[in-house]
Amino acid sequence: MTWWEAFSQAGHDVAMADIHRATGMGSDLMLDELLPRDRDKSQDDSLWDVQAAQKAGVRCVCLLSGGISRGELTDAGATDIYDDPADLLSHFPAALIGSP
């Protein structure tokens, strides 16, 4: 009932049955499931992708063009962070093999 009330107050018409099915997913997954068009998934997904790469032991190269700060990316485990595509290109191909 609380989730339905919150959605309603925010102007979203979400069926109670859908909320019940999504309960227990965790709030991020639930919101992605119930409000997929209303969420900027590029920001939600980027940090999860960086964390997944770190856990898998894979280097993660990031660009600061998606609205997430250098600090957030670093905290999530990004190994290489470039200002924009031009910055990445200026360090190519070293950026792909981990050389400074």
N, C-alpha and C. Protein backbone atom coordinates (compact mmCIF):
# COMPACT_ATOMS: atom_id res chain seq x y z
N MET A 1 0.81 -1.19 0.00
CA MET A 1 0.00 0.00 0.00
C MET A 1 0.86 1.26 0.00
N THR A 2 1.99 1.25 0.71
CA THR A 2 2.86 2.41 0.77
C THR A 2 3.43 2.75 -0.60
N TRP A 3 3.88 1.72 -1.34
CA TRP A 3 4.41 1.97 -2.68
C TRP A 3 3.33 2.56 -3.58
N TRP A 4 2.10 2.02 -3.53
CA TRP A 4 1.02 2.52 -4.36
C TRP A 4 0.76 3.99 -4.04
N GLU A 5 0.75 4.31 -2.76
CA GLU A 5 0.52 5.69 -2.32
C GLU A 5 1.63 6.62 -2.84
N ALA A 6 2.87 6.17 -2.76
CA ALA A 6 3.99 6.98 -3.24
C ALA A 6 3.91 7.20 -4.75
N PHE A 7 3.61 6.14 -5.49
CA PHE A 7 3.44 6.29 -6.94
C PHE A 7 2.31 7.26 -7.26
N SER A 8 1.22 7.09 -6.59
CA SER A 8 0.05 7.94 -6.80
C SER A 8 0.37 9.41 -6.53
N GLN A 9 1.03 9.69 -5.42
CA GLN A 9 1.38 11.06 -5.07
C GLN A 9 2.35 11.68 -6.07
N ALA A 10 3.17 10.83 -6.70
CA ALA A 10 4.12 11.32 -7.70
C ALA A 10 3.52 11.40 -9.09
N GLY A 11 2.22 11.05 -9.20
CA GLY A 11 1.53 11.15 -10.48
C GLY A 11 1.63 9.94 -11.37
N HIS A 12 2.00 8.79 -10.82
CA HIS A 12 2.13 7.56 -11.60
C HIS A 12 0.95 6.64 -11.29
N ASP A 13 0.35 6.13 -12.34
CA ASP A 13 -0.77 5.20 -12.18
C ASP A 13 -0.24 3.77 -12.32
N VAL A 14 0.07 3.15 -11.20
CA VAL A 14 0.63 1.80 -11.19
C VAL A 14 -0.37 0.88 -10.49
N ALA A 15 -0.70 -0.22 -11.14
CA ALA A 15 -1.67 -1.16 -10.57
C ALA A 15 -1.12 -1.82 -9.31
N MET A 16 -1.97 -1.95 -8.32
CA MET A 16 -1.58 -2.58 -7.06
C MET A 16 -1.06 -4.00 -7.29
N ALA A 17 -1.68 -4.74 -8.22
CA ALA A 17 -1.23 -6.11 -8.51
C ALA A 17 0.21 -6.12 -9.03
N ASP A 18 0.58 -5.14 -9.85
CA ASP A 18 1.95 -5.05 -10.35
C ASP A 18 2.93 -4.76 -9.22
N ILE A 19 2.52 -3.91 -8.30
CA ILE A 19 3.36 -3.58 -7.15
C ILE A 19 3.58 -4.82 -6.29
N HIS A 20 2.52 -5.59 -6.06
CA HIS A 20 2.65 -6.81 -5.26
C HIS A 20 3.62 -7.79 -5.90
N ARG A 21 3.55 -7.94 -7.23
CA ARG A 21 4.46 -8.87 -7.92
C ARG A 21 5.91 -8.40 -7.84
N ALA A 22 6.12 -7.08 -7.79
CA ALA A 22 7.49 -6.54 -7.78
C ALA A 22 8.06 -6.38 -6.37
N THR A 23 7.23 -6.51 -5.35
CA THR A 23 7.70 -6.35 -3.98
C THR A 23 8.76 -7.41 -3.67
N GLY A 24 9.84 -6.97 -3.06
CA GLY A 24 10.93 -7.87 -2.73
C GLY A 24 12.09 -7.80 -3.70
N MET A 25 11.93 -7.08 -4.81
CA MET A 25 12.98 -6.95 -5.81
C MET A 25 14.11 -6.01 -5.36
N GLY A 26 13.83 -5.17 -4.43
CA GLY A 26 14.75 -4.07 -4.12
C GLY A 26 14.25 -2.85 -4.86
N SER A 27 14.40 -1.69 -4.28
CA SER A 27 13.75 -0.49 -4.83
C SER A 27 14.22 -0.14 -6.24
N ASP A 28 15.51 -0.24 -6.54
CA ASP A 28 15.97 0.10 -7.89
C ASP A 28 15.37 -0.80 -8.94
N LEU A 29 15.41 -2.11 -8.70
CA LEU A 29 14.83 -3.04 -9.66
C LEU A 29 13.33 -2.87 -9.77
N MET A 30 12.69 -2.61 -8.65
CA MET A 30 11.24 -2.41 -8.64
C MET A 30 10.86 -1.19 -9.49
N LEU A 31 11.59 -0.10 -9.29
CA LEU A 31 11.29 1.11 -10.05
C LEU A 31 11.57 0.91 -11.54
N ASP A 32 12.63 0.19 -11.87
CA ASP A 32 12.92 -0.11 -13.26
C ASP A 32 11.80 -0.95 -13.88
N GLU A 33 11.28 -1.87 -13.11
CA GLU A 33 10.20 -2.75 -13.58
C GLU A 33 8.89 -1.99 -13.75
N LEU A 34 8.56 -1.16 -12.79
CA LEU A 34 7.25 -0.51 -12.79
C LEU A 34 7.22 0.84 -13.52
N LEU A 35 8.36 1.52 -13.62
CA LEU A 35 8.41 2.83 -14.27
C LEU A 35 9.54 2.90 -15.29
N PRO A 36 9.62 1.96 -16.22
CA PRO A 36 10.78 1.91 -17.10
C PRO A 36 10.98 3.15 -17.96
N ARG A 37 9.93 3.79 -18.37
CA ARG A 37 10.05 4.98 -19.23
C ARG A 37 10.40 6.22 -18.44
N ASP A 38 10.18 6.20 -17.14
CA ASP A 38 10.36 7.39 -16.33
C ASP A 38 11.71 7.48 -15.64
N ARG A 39 12.57 6.50 -15.87
CA ARG A 39 13.85 6.51 -15.17
C ARG A 39 14.98 6.61 -16.17
N ASP A 40 15.99 7.39 -15.83
CA ASP A 40 17.17 7.53 -16.66
C ASP A 40 18.09 6.36 -16.34
N LYS A 41 17.93 5.29 -17.10
CA LYS A 41 18.65 4.06 -16.80
C LYS A 41 20.14 4.17 -17.07
N SER A 42 20.56 5.12 -17.89
CA SER A 42 21.99 5.22 -18.17
C SER A 42 22.76 5.53 -16.89
N GLN A 43 22.19 6.41 -16.00
CA GLN A 43 22.87 6.72 -14.75
C GLN A 43 22.73 5.57 -13.76
N ASP A 44 21.48 4.94 -13.66
CA ASP A 44 21.30 3.83 -12.71
C ASP A 44 22.20 2.66 -13.07
N ASP A 45 22.26 2.36 -14.42
CA ASP A 45 22.98 1.18 -14.89
C ASP A 45 24.49 1.36 -14.88
N SER A 46 25.00 2.55 -15.13
CA SER A 46 26.45 2.76 -15.24
C SER A 46 27.19 2.32 -13.98
N LEU A 47 26.73 2.74 -12.84
CA LEU A 47 27.43 2.37 -11.60
C LEU A 47 27.36 0.87 -11.35
N TRP A 48 26.22 0.26 -11.68
CA TRP A 48 26.11 -1.20 -11.49
C TRP A 48 27.07 -1.92 -12.44
N ASP A 49 27.20 -1.40 -13.67
CA ASP A 49 28.12 -2.02 -14.63
C ASP A 49 29.56 -1.93 -14.15
N VAL A 50 29.94 -0.78 -13.60
CA VAL A 50 31.30 -0.60 -13.08
C VAL A 50 31.55 -1.57 -11.93
N GLN A 51 30.58 -1.68 -11.03
CA GLN A 51 30.73 -2.60 -9.90
C GLN A 51 30.83 -4.04 -10.36
N ALA A 52 30.05 -4.40 -11.37
CA ALA A 52 30.08 -5.77 -11.90
C ALA A 52 31.44 -6.07 -12.52
N ALA A 53 31.99 -5.09 -13.26
CA ALA A 53 33.31 -5.28 -13.86
C ALA A 53 34.37 -5.48 -12.79
N GLN A 54 34.30 -4.68 -11.74
CA GLN A 54 35.27 -4.80 -10.64
C GLN A 54 35.18 -6.19 -10.00
N LYS A 55 33.97 -6.65 -9.74
CA LYS A 55 33.80 -7.97 -9.12
C LYS A 55 34.29 -9.09 -10.01
N ALA A 56 34.19 -8.87 -11.33
CA ALA A 56 34.65 -9.89 -12.29
C ALA A 56 36.14 -9.80 -12.56
N GLY A 57 36.79 -8.78 -11.97
CA GLY A 57 38.23 -8.62 -12.18
C GLY A 57 38.57 -8.05 -13.55
N VAL A 58 37.64 -7.32 -14.14
CA VAL A 58 37.82 -6.75 -15.47
C VAL A 58 37.99 -5.24 -15.36
N ARG A 59 38.94 -4.67 -16.10
CA ARG A 59 39.11 -3.22 -16.10
C ARG A 59 37.87 -2.57 -16.70
N CYS A 60 37.52 -1.41 -16.17
CA CYS A 60 36.34 -0.70 -16.66
C CYS A 60 36.75 0.72 -17.05
N VAL A 61 36.62 1.02 -18.34
CA VAL A 61 36.96 2.33 -18.88
C VAL A 61 35.67 3.14 -18.96
N CYS A 62 35.67 4.34 -18.37
CA CYS A 62 34.47 5.16 -18.30
C CYS A 62 34.71 6.55 -18.89
N LEU A 63 33.62 7.17 -19.34
CA LEU A 63 33.63 8.54 -19.81
C LEU A 63 32.77 9.39 -18.90
N LEU A 64 33.15 10.63 -18.71
CA LEU A 64 32.37 11.54 -17.85
C LEU A 64 31.27 12.26 -18.63
N SER A 65 30.72 11.63 -19.62
CA SER A 65 29.69 12.27 -20.43
C SER A 65 28.28 11.81 -20.07
N GLY A 66 28.14 11.00 -19.05
CA GLY A 66 26.83 10.45 -18.71
C GLY A 66 26.19 11.02 -17.47
N GLY A 67 26.78 12.04 -16.87
CA GLY A 67 26.16 12.66 -15.71
C GLY A 67 26.57 12.08 -14.38
N ILE A 68 27.50 11.14 -14.38
CA ILE A 68 27.98 10.56 -13.14
C ILE A 68 29.38 11.11 -12.88
N SER A 69 29.66 11.48 -11.65
CA SER A 69 30.91 12.14 -11.32
C SER A 69 32.09 11.17 -11.33
N ARG A 70 33.28 11.75 -11.47
CA ARG A 70 34.53 10.98 -11.40
C ARG A 70 34.61 10.23 -10.07
N GLY A 71 34.24 10.90 -8.98
CA GLY A 71 34.28 10.27 -7.66
C GLY A 71 33.36 9.07 -7.56
N GLU A 72 32.15 9.20 -8.09
CA GLU A 72 31.20 8.07 -8.05
C GLU A 72 31.74 6.89 -8.84
N LEU A 73 32.30 7.18 -10.02
CA LEU A 73 32.85 6.10 -10.85
C LEU A 73 34.06 5.45 -10.18
N THR A 74 34.91 6.27 -9.59
CA THR A 74 36.07 5.74 -8.88
C THR A 74 35.64 4.88 -7.70
N ASP A 75 34.68 5.38 -6.93
CA ASP A 75 34.18 4.62 -5.78
C ASP A 75 33.55 3.30 -6.20
N ALA A 76 32.94 3.28 -7.38
CA ALA A 76 32.31 2.05 -7.86
C ALA A 76 33.33 1.05 -8.38
N GLY A 77 34.57 1.55 -8.67
CA GLY A 77 35.62 0.64 -9.12
C GLY A 77 36.16 0.88 -10.51
N ALA A 78 35.82 2.00 -11.13
CA ALA A 78 36.34 2.29 -12.47
C ALA A 78 37.85 2.38 -12.44
N THR A 79 38.49 1.78 -13.43
CA THR A 79 39.95 1.78 -13.46
C THR A 79 40.50 2.93 -14.29
N ASP A 80 39.77 3.36 -15.30
CA ASP A 80 40.20 4.45 -16.17
C ASP A 80 39.00 5.35 -16.44
N ILE A 81 39.18 6.65 -16.24
CA ILE A 81 38.08 7.59 -16.44
C ILE A 81 38.59 8.72 -17.34
N TYR A 82 37.88 8.95 -18.43
CA TYR A 82 38.24 10.00 -19.38
C TYR A 82 37.13 11.05 -19.42
N ASP A 83 37.53 12.28 -19.73
CA ASP A 83 36.57 13.38 -19.73
C ASP A 83 35.47 13.23 -20.77
N ASP A 84 35.83 12.75 -21.94
CA ASP A 84 34.89 12.64 -23.05
C ASP A 84 35.50 11.73 -24.11
N PRO A 85 34.77 11.46 -25.20
CA PRO A 85 35.33 10.59 -26.24
C PRO A 85 36.65 11.10 -26.81
N ALA A 86 36.80 12.42 -26.95
CA ALA A 86 38.06 12.97 -27.48
C ALA A 86 39.23 12.66 -26.55
N ASP A 87 39.00 12.75 -25.25
CA ASP A 87 40.04 12.43 -24.27
C ASP A 87 40.43 10.96 -24.37
N LEU A 88 39.44 10.10 -24.48
CA LEU A 88 39.72 8.66 -24.64
C LEU A 88 40.52 8.42 -25.91
N LEU A 89 40.11 9.06 -26.99
CA LEU A 89 40.78 8.89 -28.27
C LEU A 89 42.23 9.37 -28.22
N SER A 90 42.47 10.43 -27.46
CA SER A 90 43.84 10.95 -27.35
C SER A 90 44.76 9.98 -26.60
N HIS A 91 44.19 9.07 -25.85
CA HIS A 91 44.96 8.07 -25.11
C HIS A 91 44.90 6.68 -25.76
N PHE A 92 44.31 6.61 -26.92
CA PHE A 92 44.14 5.36 -27.63
C PHE A 92 45.46 4.95 -28.30
N PRO A 93 45.86 3.71 -28.36
CA PRO A 93 45.22 2.51 -27.83
C PRO A 93 45.64 2.17 -26.39
N ALA A 94 46.49 2.98 -25.80
CA ALA A 94 46.95 2.70 -24.44
C ALA A 94 45.78 2.53 -23.47
N ALA A 95 44.68 3.27 -23.69
CA ALA A 95 43.53 3.17 -22.81
C ALA A 95 42.95 1.76 -22.79
N LEU A 96 43.08 1.06 -23.89
CA LEU A 96 42.50 -0.28 -23.95
C LEU A 96 43.37 -1.34 -23.31
N ILE A 97 44.65 -1.06 -23.17
CA ILE A 97 45.53 -2.09 -22.60
C ILE A 97 46.06 -1.72 -21.22
N GLY A 98 45.64 -0.56 -20.72
CA GLY A 98 45.99 -0.20 -19.36
C GLY A 98 47.29 0.53 -19.19
N SER A 99 47.84 1.05 -20.28
CA SER A 99 49.08 1.83 -20.16
C SER A 99 48.75 3.28 -19.92
N PRO A 100 49.59 4.02 -19.18
CA PRO A 100 49.32 5.45 -18.94
C PRO A 100 49.45 6.27 -20.20
